[in-house]
Amino acid sequence: TFSFSIYDMAWFRQAPGKEREFVAAIDRSSATRYADSVKG
């Protein structure tokens, strides 16, 4: 339903024994956000 373009897409990661954490996200206009640890 709807178009892929209206979905924000994100990546998370989970290391063994740790909680799942945010890595990066992108919206329909290709604005982005990153975890500080992966910026650059």
All heavy atoms as atom14 arrays in JSON, in Angstrom:
{
  "sequence": "TFSFSIYDMAWFRQAPGKEREFVAAIDRSSATRYADSVKG",
  "atom14_mask": [
    [1, 1, 1, 1, 1, 1, 1, 0, 0, 0, 0, 0, 0, 0],
    [1, 1, 1, 1, 1, 1, 1, 1, 1, 1, 1, 0, 0, 0],
    [1, 1, 1, 1, 1, 1, 0, 0, 0, 0, 0, 0, 0, 0],
    [1, 1, 1, 1, 1, 1, 1, 1, 1, 1, 1, 0, 0, 0],
    [1, 1, 1, 1, 1, 1, 0, 0, 0, 0, 0, 0, 0, 0],
    [1, 1, 1, 1, 1, 1, 1, 1, 0, 0, 0, 0, 0, 0],
    [1, 1, 1, 1, 1, 1, 1, 1, 1, 1, 1, 1, 0, 0],
    [1, 1, 1, 1, 1, 1, 1, 1, 0, 0, 0, 0, 0, 0],
    [1, 1, 1, 1, 1, 1, 1, 1, 0, 0, 0, 0, 0, 0],
    [1, 1, 1, 1, 1, 0, 0, 0, 0, 0, 0, 0, 0, 0],
    [1, 1, 1, 1, 1, 1, 1, 1, 1, 1, 1, 1, 1, 1],
    [1, 1, 1, 1, 1, 1, 1, 1, 1, 1, 1, 0, 0, 0],
    [1, 1, 1, 1, 1, 1, 1, 1, 1, 1, 1, 0, 0, 0],
    [1, 1, 1, 1, 1, 1, 1, 1, 1, 0, 0, 0, 0, 0],
    [1, 1, 1, 1, 1, 0, 0, 0, 0, 0, 0, 0, 0, 0],
    [1, 1, 1, 1, 1, 1, 1, 0, 0, 0, 0, 0, 0, 0],
    [1, 1, 1, 1, 0, 0, 0, 0, 0, 0, 0, 0, 0, 0],
    [1, 1, 1, 1, 1, 1, 1, 1, 1, 0, 0, 0, 0, 0],
    [1, 1, 1, 1, 1, 1, 1, 1, 1, 0, 0, 0, 0, 0],
    [1, 1, 1, 1, 1, 1, 1, 1, 1, 1, 1, 0, 0, 0],
    [1, 1, 1, 1, 1, 1, 1, 1, 1, 0, 0, 0, 0, 0],
    [1, 1, 1, 1, 1, 1, 1, 1, 1, 1, 1, 0, 0, 0],
    [1, 1, 1, 1, 1, 1, 1, 0, 0, 0, 0, 0, 0, 0],
    [1, 1, 1, 1, 1, 0, 0, 0, 0, 0, 0, 0, 0, 0],
    [1, 1, 1, 1, 1, 0, 0, 0, 0, 0, 0, 0, 0, 0],
    [1, 1, 1, 1, 1, 1, 1, 1, 0, 0, 0, 0, 0, 0],
    [1, 1, 1, 1, 1, 1, 1, 1, 0, 0, 0, 0, 0, 0],
    [1, 1, 1, 1, 1, 1, 1, 1, 1, 1, 1, 0, 0, 0],
    [1, 1, 1, 1, 1, 1, 0, 0, 0, 0, 0, 0, 0, 0],
    [1, 1, 1, 1, 1, 1, 0, 0, 0, 0, 0, 0, 0, 0],
    [1, 1, 1, 1, 1, 0, 0, 0, 0, 0, 0, 0, 0, 0],
    [1, 1, 1, 1, 1, 1, 1, 0, 0, 0, 0, 0, 0, 0],
    [1, 1, 1, 1, 1, 1, 1, 1, 1, 1, 1, 0, 0, 0],
    [1, 1, 1, 1, 1, 1, 1, 1, 1, 1, 1, 1, 0, 0],
    [1, 1, 1, 1, 1, 0, 0, 0, 0, 0, 0, 0, 0, 0],
    [1, 1, 1, 1, 1, 1, 1, 1, 0, 0, 0, 0, 0, 0],
    [1, 1, 1, 1, 1, 1, 0, 0, 0, 0, 0, 0, 0, 0],
    [1, 1, 1, 1, 1, 1, 1, 0, 0, 0, 0, 0, 0, 0],
    [1, 1, 1, 1, 1, 1, 1, 1, 1, 0, 0, 0, 0, 0],
    [1, 1, 1, 1, 0, 0, 0, 0, 0, 0, 0, 0, 0, 0]
  ],
  "atom14_positions": [
    [[0.85, -1.19, 0.0], [0.0, 0.0, 0.0], [0.88, 1.24, 0.0], [2.0, 1.22, 0.5], [-0.91, 0.04, 1.23], [-0.1, -0.01, 2.4], [-1.88, -1.11, 1.23], [0.0, 0.0, 0.0], [0.0, 0.0, 0.0], [0.0, 0.0, 0.0], [0.0, 0.0, 0.0], [0.0, 0.0, 0.0], [0.0, 0.0, 0.0], [0.0, 0.0, 0.0]],
    [[0.4, 2.29, -0.58], [1.11, 3.55, -0.69], [2.38, 3.36, -1.5], [2.61, 2.34, -2.13], [1.41, 4.13, 0.7], [0.2, 4.23, 1.58], [0.1, 3.47, 2.74], [-0.84, 5.07, 1.25], [-1.02, 3.54, 3.54], [-1.97, 5.15, 2.05], [-2.06, 4.37, 3.19], [0.0, 0.0, 0.0], [0.0, 0.0, 0.0], [0.0, 0.0, 0.0]],
    [[3.19, 4.37, -1.49], [4.42, 4.35, -2.27], [5.62, 4.21, -1.36], [5.62, 4.72, -0.24], [4.54, 5.64, -3.07], [5.82, 5.79, -3.63], [0.0, 0.0, 0.0], [0.0, 0.0, 0.0], [0.0, 0.0, 0.0], [0.0, 0.0, 0.0], [0.0, 0.0, 0.0], [0.0, 0.0, 0.0], [0.0, 0.0, 0.0], [0.0, 0.0, 0.0]],
    [[6.63, 3.5, -1.83], [7.87, 3.36, -1.04], [8.4, 4.72, -0.6], [8.97, 4.85, 0.47], [8.91, 2.64, -1.89], [10.26, 2.54, -1.26], [10.49, 1.66, -0.21], [11.33, 3.32, -1.72], [11.75, 1.55, 0.38], [12.58, 3.21, -1.15], [12.8, 2.34, -0.09], [0.0, 0.0, 0.0], [0.0, 0.0, 0.0], [0.0, 0.0, 0.0]],
    [[8.19, 5.73, -1.41], [8.78, 7.04, -1.14], [8.25, 7.68, 0.14], [8.9, 8.57, 0.69], [8.56, 7.99, -2.31], [7.17, 8.24, -2.5], [0.0, 0.0, 0.0], [0.0, 0.0, 0.0], [0.0, 0.0, 0.0], [0.0, 0.0, 0.0], [0.0, 0.0, 0.0], [0.0, 0.0, 0.0], [0.0, 0.0, 0.0], [0.0, 0.0, 0.0]],
    [[7.07, 7.27, 0.63], [6.54, 7.9, 1.84], [7.08, 7.24, 3.11], [6.76, 7.69, 4.21], [5.0, 7.91, 1.86], [4.45, 6.48, 1.94], [4.44, 8.65, 0.66], [4.04, 6.05, 3.33], [0.0, 0.0, 0.0], [0.0, 0.0, 0.0], [0.0, 0.0, 0.0], [0.0, 0.0, 0.0], [0.0, 0.0, 0.0], [0.0, 0.0, 0.0]],
    [[7.88, 6.23, 2.94], [8.45, 5.54, 4.1], [9.81, 6.11, 4.47], [10.69, 6.27, 3.59], [8.58, 4.06, 3.84], [7.25, 3.33, 3.79], [6.53, 3.23, 2.61], [6.72, 2.74, 4.94], [5.31, 2.58, 2.56], [5.5, 2.08, 4.9], [4.8, 2.0, 3.71], [3.6, 1.36, 3.68], [0.0, 0.0, 0.0], [0.0, 0.0, 0.0]],
    [[9.99, 6.42, 5.74], [11.34, 6.64, 6.25], [12.01, 5.27, 6.33], [11.38, 4.29, 6.73], [11.31, 7.24, 7.66], [10.79, 8.66, 7.67], [10.69, 9.27, 6.6], [10.49, 9.14, 8.78], [0.0, 0.0, 0.0], [0.0, 0.0, 0.0], [0.0, 0.0, 0.0], [0.0, 0.0, 0.0], [0.0, 0.0, 0.0], [0.0, 0.0, 0.0]],
    [[13.26, 5.22, 5.97], [14.03, 3.98, 6.04], [15.19, 4.17, 7.01], [15.79, 5.25, 7.05], [14.57, 3.6, 4.67], [13.5, 3.41, 3.6], [12.35, 2.09, 4.0], [13.45, 0.67, 3.96], [0.0, 0.0, 0.0], [0.0, 0.0, 0.0], [0.0, 0.0, 0.0], [0.0, 0.0, 0.0], [0.0, 0.0, 0.0], [0.0, 0.0, 0.0]],
    [[15.47, 3.13, 7.76], [16.52, 3.24, 8.76], [17.29, 1.93, 8.88], [16.79, 0.87, 8.49], [15.93, 3.62, 10.12], [0.0, 0.0, 0.0], [0.0, 0.0, 0.0], [0.0, 0.0, 0.0], [0.0, 0.0, 0.0], [0.0, 0.0, 0.0], [0.0, 0.0, 0.0], [0.0, 0.0, 0.0], [0.0, 0.0, 0.0], [0.0, 0.0, 0.0]],
    [[18.47, 2.05, 9.42], [19.3, 0.89, 9.76], [19.59, 0.93, 11.25], [19.94, 1.99, 11.8], [20.61, 0.9, 8.99], [20.44, 0.63, 7.53], [20.29, 1.55, 6.53], [20.41, -0.65, 6.89], [20.16, 0.92, 5.32], [20.24, -0.43, 5.51], [20.51, -1.96, 7.35], [20.17, -1.47, 4.58], [20.44, -3.0, 6.44], [20.27, -2.75, 5.07]],
    [[19.44, -0.22, 11.86], [19.8, -0.44, 13.26], [20.76, -1.63, 13.3], [20.86, -2.37, 12.33], [18.56, -0.74, 14.1], [17.61, 0.42, 14.24], [16.74, 0.77, 13.22], [17.59, 1.16, 15.42], [15.87, 1.85, 13.36], [16.72, 2.23, 15.57], [15.86, 2.57, 14.53], [0.0, 0.0, 0.0], [0.0, 0.0, 0.0], [0.0, 0.0, 0.0]],
    [[21.42, -1.79, 14.42], [22.3, -2.95, 14.58], [22.24, -3.46, 16.01], [21.96, -2.7, 16.93], [23.75, -2.62, 14.19], [24.41, -1.58, 15.08], [25.76, -1.18, 14.49], [26.41, -0.15, 15.31], [27.5, 0.51, 14.93], [28.04, 0.28, 13.73], [28.02, 1.42, 15.74], [0.0, 0.0, 0.0], [0.0, 0.0, 0.0], [0.0, 0.0, 0.0]],
    [[22.51, -4.74, 16.13], [22.51, -5.36, 17.45], [23.68, -6.31, 17.57], [23.76, -7.32, 16.85], [21.2, -6.11, 17.7], [21.06, -6.63, 19.11], [19.64, -7.07, 19.42], [18.83, -7.31, 18.53], [19.33, -7.17, 20.71], [0.0, 0.0, 0.0], [0.0, 0.0, 0.0], [0.0, 0.0, 0.0], [0.0, 0.0, 0.0], [0.0, 0.0, 0.0]],
    [[24.6, -5.96, 18.47], [25.75, -6.8, 18.74], [25.38, -7.84, 19.79], [24.44, -7.63, 20.56], [26.91, -5.94, 19.23], [0.0, 0.0, 0.0], [0.0, 0.0, 0.0], [0.0, 0.0, 0.0], [0.0, 0.0, 0.0], [0.0, 0.0, 0.0], [0.0, 0.0, 0.0], [0.0, 0.0, 0.0], [0.0, 0.0, 0.0], [0.0, 0.0, 0.0]],
    [[26.12, -8.93, 19.86], [25.81, -9.97, 20.86], [25.8, -9.41, 22.27], [26.74, -8.71, 22.68], [26.95, -10.97, 20.67], [27.39, -10.79, 19.26], [27.23, -9.33, 18.97], [0.0, 0.0, 0.0], [0.0, 0.0, 0.0], [0.0, 0.0, 0.0], [0.0, 0.0, 0.0], [0.0, 0.0, 0.0], [0.0, 0.0, 0.0], [0.0, 0.0, 0.0]],
    [[24.73, -9.67, 22.99], [24.63, -9.24, 24.38], [24.31, -7.78, 24.57], [24.31, -7.29, 25.71], [0.0, 0.0, 0.0], [0.0, 0.0, 0.0], [0.0, 0.0, 0.0], [0.0, 0.0, 0.0], [0.0, 0.0, 0.0], [0.0, 0.0, 0.0], [0.0, 0.0, 0.0], [0.0, 0.0, 0.0], [0.0, 0.0, 0.0], [0.0, 0.0, 0.0]],
    [[24.05, -7.07, 23.48], [23.76, -5.64, 23.57], [22.38, -5.33, 23.01], [21.79, -6.12, 22.28], [24.82, -4.83, 22.84], [26.21, -4.95, 23.45], [27.18, -3.98, 22.81], [28.54, -4.04, 23.47], [29.5, -3.07, 22.86], [0.0, 0.0, 0.0], [0.0, 0.0, 0.0], [0.0, 0.0, 0.0], [0.0, 0.0, 0.0], [0.0, 0.0, 0.0]],
    [[21.9, -4.15, 23.33], [20.61, -3.72, 22.82], [20.74, -3.27, 21.36], [21.82, -2.84, 20.93], [20.06, -2.58, 23.69], [19.71, -2.99, 25.1], [19.08, -1.86, 25.89], [19.07, -0.72, 25.4], [18.59, -2.13, 27.0], [0.0, 0.0, 0.0], [0.0, 0.0, 0.0], [0.0, 0.0, 0.0], [0.0, 0.0, 0.0], [0.0, 0.0, 0.0]],
    [[19.64, -3.33, 20.67], [19.62, -2.85, 19.29], [19.77, -1.33, 19.32], [19.14, -0.64, 20.13], [18.31, -3.25, 18.62], [18.31, -3.12, 17.12], [17.08, -3.74, 16.5], [16.99, -5.18, 16.78], [16.1, -5.98, 16.22], [15.22, -5.5, 15.33], [16.08, -7.26, 16.52], [0.0, 0.0, 0.0], [0.0, 0.0, 0.0], [0.0, 0.0, 0.0]],
    [[20.6, -0.81, 18.41], [20.88, 0.62, 18.41], [20.73, 1.22, 17.01], [20.92, 0.55, 16.0], [22.3, 0.9, 18.91], [23.4, 0.34, 18.04], [24.79, 0.72, 18.54], [24.92, 1.34, 19.62], [25.77, 0.39, 17.83], [0.0, 0.0, 0.0], [0.0, 0.0, 0.0], [0.0, 0.0, 0.0], [0.0, 0.0, 0.0], [0.0, 0.0, 0.0]],
    [[20.4, 2.51, 17.0], [20.23, 3.25, 15.76], [21.57, 3.44, 15.07], [22.59, 3.72, 15.71], [19.59, 4.6, 16.08], [19.59, 5.56, 14.92], [18.71, 5.39, 13.88], [20.49, 6.62, 14.89], [18.7, 6.27, 12.81], [20.5, 7.5, 13.84], [19.6, 7.33, 12.79], [0.0, 0.0, 0.0], [0.0, 0.0, 0.0], [0.0, 0.0, 0.0]],
    [[21.54, 3.35, 13.73], [22.74, 3.6, 12.93], [22.52, 4.8, 12.0], [23.29, 5.75, 12.02], [23.12, 2.36, 12.1], [24.31, 2.66, 11.2], [23.43, 1.17, 13.01], [0.0, 0.0, 0.0], [0.0, 0.0, 0.0], [0.0, 0.0, 0.0], [0.0, 0.0, 0.0], [0.0, 0.0, 0.0], [0.0, 0.0, 0.0], [0.0, 0.0, 0.0]],
    [[21.47, 4.73, 11.18], [21.23, 5.79, 10.2], [19.79, 5.74, 9.73], [19.15, 4.7, 9.79], [22.17, 5.65, 9.01], [0.0, 0.0, 0.0], [0.0, 0.0, 0.0], [0.0, 0.0, 0.0], [0.0, 0.0, 0.0], [0.0, 0.0, 0.0], [0.0, 0.0, 0.0], [0.0, 0.0, 0.0], [0.0, 0.0, 0.0], [0.0, 0.0, 0.0]],
    [[19.29, 6.89, 9.26], [17.92, 6.97, 8.74], [17.86, 7.98, 7.61], [18.67, 8.92, 7.54], [16.93, 7.36, 9.84], [0.0, 0.0, 0.0], [0.0, 0.0, 0.0], [0.0, 0.0, 0.0], [0.0, 0.0, 0.0], [0.0, 0.0, 0.0], [0.0, 0.0, 0.0], [0.0, 0.0, 0.0], [0.0, 0.0, 0.0], [0.0, 0.0, 0.0]],
    [[16.85, 7.78, 6.73], [16.68, 8.66, 5.58], [15.2, 8.81, 5.3], [14.42, 7.86, 5.42], [17.42, 8.09, 4.35], [17.39, 9.07, 3.17], [16.88, 6.73, 3.94], [18.35, 8.69, 2.04], [0.0, 0.0, 0.0], [0.0, 0.0, 0.0], [0.0, 0.0, 0.0], [0.0, 0.0, 0.0], [0.0, 0.0, 0.0], [0.0, 0.0, 0.0]],
    [[14.78, 10.04, 4.95], [13.37, 10.26, 4.67], [13.14, 10.43, 3.16], [14.06, 10.25, 2.36], [12.83, 11.45, 5.47], [13.36, 12.79, 4.99], [14.03, 12.85, 3.94], [13.08, 13.8, 5.67], [0.0, 0.0, 0.0], [0.0, 0.0, 0.0], [0.0, 0.0, 0.0], [0.0, 0.0, 0.0], [0.0, 0.0, 0.0], [0.0, 0.0, 0.0]],
    [[11.91, 10.78, 2.81], [11.54, 10.83, 1.4], [12.32, 11.88, 0.62], [12.48, 11.75, -0.59], [10.05, 11.11, 1.26], [9.63, 12.48, 1.71], [8.21, 12.8, 1.3], [7.24, 12.06, 2.1], [5.94, 12.05, 1.82], [5.47, 12.7, 0.77], [5.09, 11.39, 2.58], [0.0, 0.0, 0.0], [0.0, 0.0, 0.0], [0.0, 0.0, 0.0]],
    [[12.76, 12.92, 1.31], [13.52, 13.97, 0.64], [15.02, 13.7, 0.68], [15.8, 14.57, 0.28], [13.23, 15.32, 1.3], [13.71, 15.35, 2.63], [0.0, 0.0, 0.0], [0.0, 0.0, 0.0], [0.0, 0.0, 0.0], [0.0, 0.0, 0.0], [0.0, 0.0, 0.0], [0.0, 0.0, 0.0], [0.0, 0.0, 0.0], [0.0, 0.0, 0.0]],
    [[15.38, 12.52, 1.18], [16.77, 12.11, 1.35], [17.5, 12.89, 2.42], [18.74, 12.92, 2.44], [17.55, 12.14, 0.03], [17.06, 11.15, -0.84], [0.0, 0.0, 0.0], [0.0, 0.0, 0.0], [0.0, 0.0, 0.0], [0.0, 0.0, 0.0], [0.0, 0.0, 0.0], [0.0, 0.0, 0.0], [0.0, 0.0, 0.0], [0.0, 0.0, 0.0]],
    [[16.75, 13.51, 3.32], [17.37, 14.03, 4.53], [17.83, 12.83, 5.36], [17.16, 11.79, 5.38], [16.38, 14.87, 5.32], [0.0, 0.0, 0.0], [0.0, 0.0, 0.0], [0.0, 0.0, 0.0], [0.0, 0.0, 0.0], [0.0, 0.0, 0.0], [0.0, 0.0, 0.0], [0.0, 0.0, 0.0], [0.0, 0.0, 0.0], [0.0, 0.0, 0.0]],
    [[18.94, 13.0, 6.03], [19.52, 11.87, 6.75], [19.87, 12.22, 8.19], [20.06, 13.39, 8.54], [20.8, 11.38, 6.05], [21.73, 12.46, 5.97], [20.5, 10.85, 4.67], [0.0, 0.0, 0.0], [0.0, 0.0, 0.0], [0.0, 0.0, 0.0], [0.0, 0.0, 0.0], [0.0, 0.0, 0.0], [0.0, 0.0, 0.0], [0.0, 0.0, 0.0]],
    [[19.96, 11.18, 9.0], [20.47, 11.3, 10.36], [21.36, 10.11, 10.63], [21.09, 9.01, 10.14], [19.32, 11.38, 11.38], [18.46, 12.63, 11.24], [17.4, 12.72, 12.31], [17.97, 12.93, 13.64], [17.25, 13.08, 14.74], [15.93, 13.02, 14.68], [17.83, 13.27, 15.9], [0.0, 0.0, 0.0], [0.0, 0.0, 0.0], [0.0, 0.0, 0.0]],
    [[22.4, 10.34, 11.44], [23.35, 9.28, 11.73], [23.65, 9.23, 13.22], [23.63, 10.26, 13.91], [24.67, 9.53, 10.99], [24.58, 9.42, 9.5], [24.35, 10.55, 8.71], [24.71, 8.19, 8.86], [24.26, 10.45, 7.33], [24.63, 8.08, 7.48], [24.4, 9.22, 6.72], [24.31, 9.11, 5.36], [0.0, 0.0, 0.0], [0.0, 0.0, 0.0]],
    [[23.97, 8.05, 13.69], [24.54, 7.93, 15.02], [25.91, 8.59, 15.01], [26.63, 8.53, 14.0], [24.67, 6.45, 15.41], [0.0, 0.0, 0.0], [0.0, 0.0, 0.0], [0.0, 0.0, 0.0], [0.0, 0.0, 0.0], [0.0, 0.0, 0.0], [0.0, 0.0, 0.0], [0.0, 0.0, 0.0], [0.0, 0.0, 0.0], [0.0, 0.0, 0.0]],
    [[26.28, 9.2, 16.11], [27.56, 9.9, 16.17], [28.72, 8.96, 15.85], [29.72, 9.37, 15.25], [27.76, 10.5, 17.56], [26.86, 11.7, 17.8], [26.33, 12.26, 16.83], [26.69, 12.08, 18.98], [0.0, 0.0, 0.0], [0.0, 0.0, 0.0], [0.0, 0.0, 0.0], [0.0, 0.0, 0.0], [0.0, 0.0, 0.0], [0.0, 0.0, 0.0]],
    [[28.6, 7.72, 16.24], [29.71, 6.77, 16.08], [30.0, 6.43, 14.62], [31.07, 5.9, 14.32], [29.41, 5.49, 16.86], [28.22, 4.88, 16.37], [0.0, 0.0, 0.0], [0.0, 0.0, 0.0], [0.0, 0.0, 0.0], [0.0, 0.0, 0.0], [0.0, 0.0, 0.0], [0.0, 0.0, 0.0], [0.0, 0.0, 0.0], [0.0, 0.0, 0.0]],
    [[29.06, 6.7, 13.72], [29.27, 6.31, 12.32], [29.37, 7.51, 11.38], [29.62, 7.34, 10.18], [28.15, 5.37, 11.82], [28.02, 4.17, 12.76], [26.82, 6.09, 11.66], [0.0, 0.0, 0.0], [0.0, 0.0, 0.0], [0.0, 0.0, 0.0], [0.0, 0.0, 0.0], [0.0, 0.0, 0.0], [0.0, 0.0, 0.0], [0.0, 0.0, 0.0]],
    [[29.18, 8.71, 11.89], [29.24, 9.91, 11.04], [30.59, 10.0, 10.34], [31.64, 9.8, 10.96], [29.0, 11.16, 11.88], [27.55, 11.38, 12.28], [27.38, 12.65, 13.09], [25.93, 12.86, 13.49], [25.75, 14.06, 14.35], [0.0, 0.0, 0.0], [0.0, 0.0, 0.0], [0.0, 0.0, 0.0], [0.0, 0.0, 0.0], [0.0, 0.0, 0.0]],
    [[30.52, 10.27, 9.05], [31.74, 10.39, 8.28], [32.25, 9.09, 7.7], [33.14, 9.08, 6.85], [0.0, 0.0, 0.0], [0.0, 0.0, 0.0], [0.0, 0.0, 0.0], [0.0, 0.0, 0.0], [0.0, 0.0, 0.0], [0.0, 0.0, 0.0], [0.0, 0.0, 0.0], [0.0, 0.0, 0.0], [0.0, 0.0, 0.0], [0.0, 0.0, 0.0]]
  ]
}
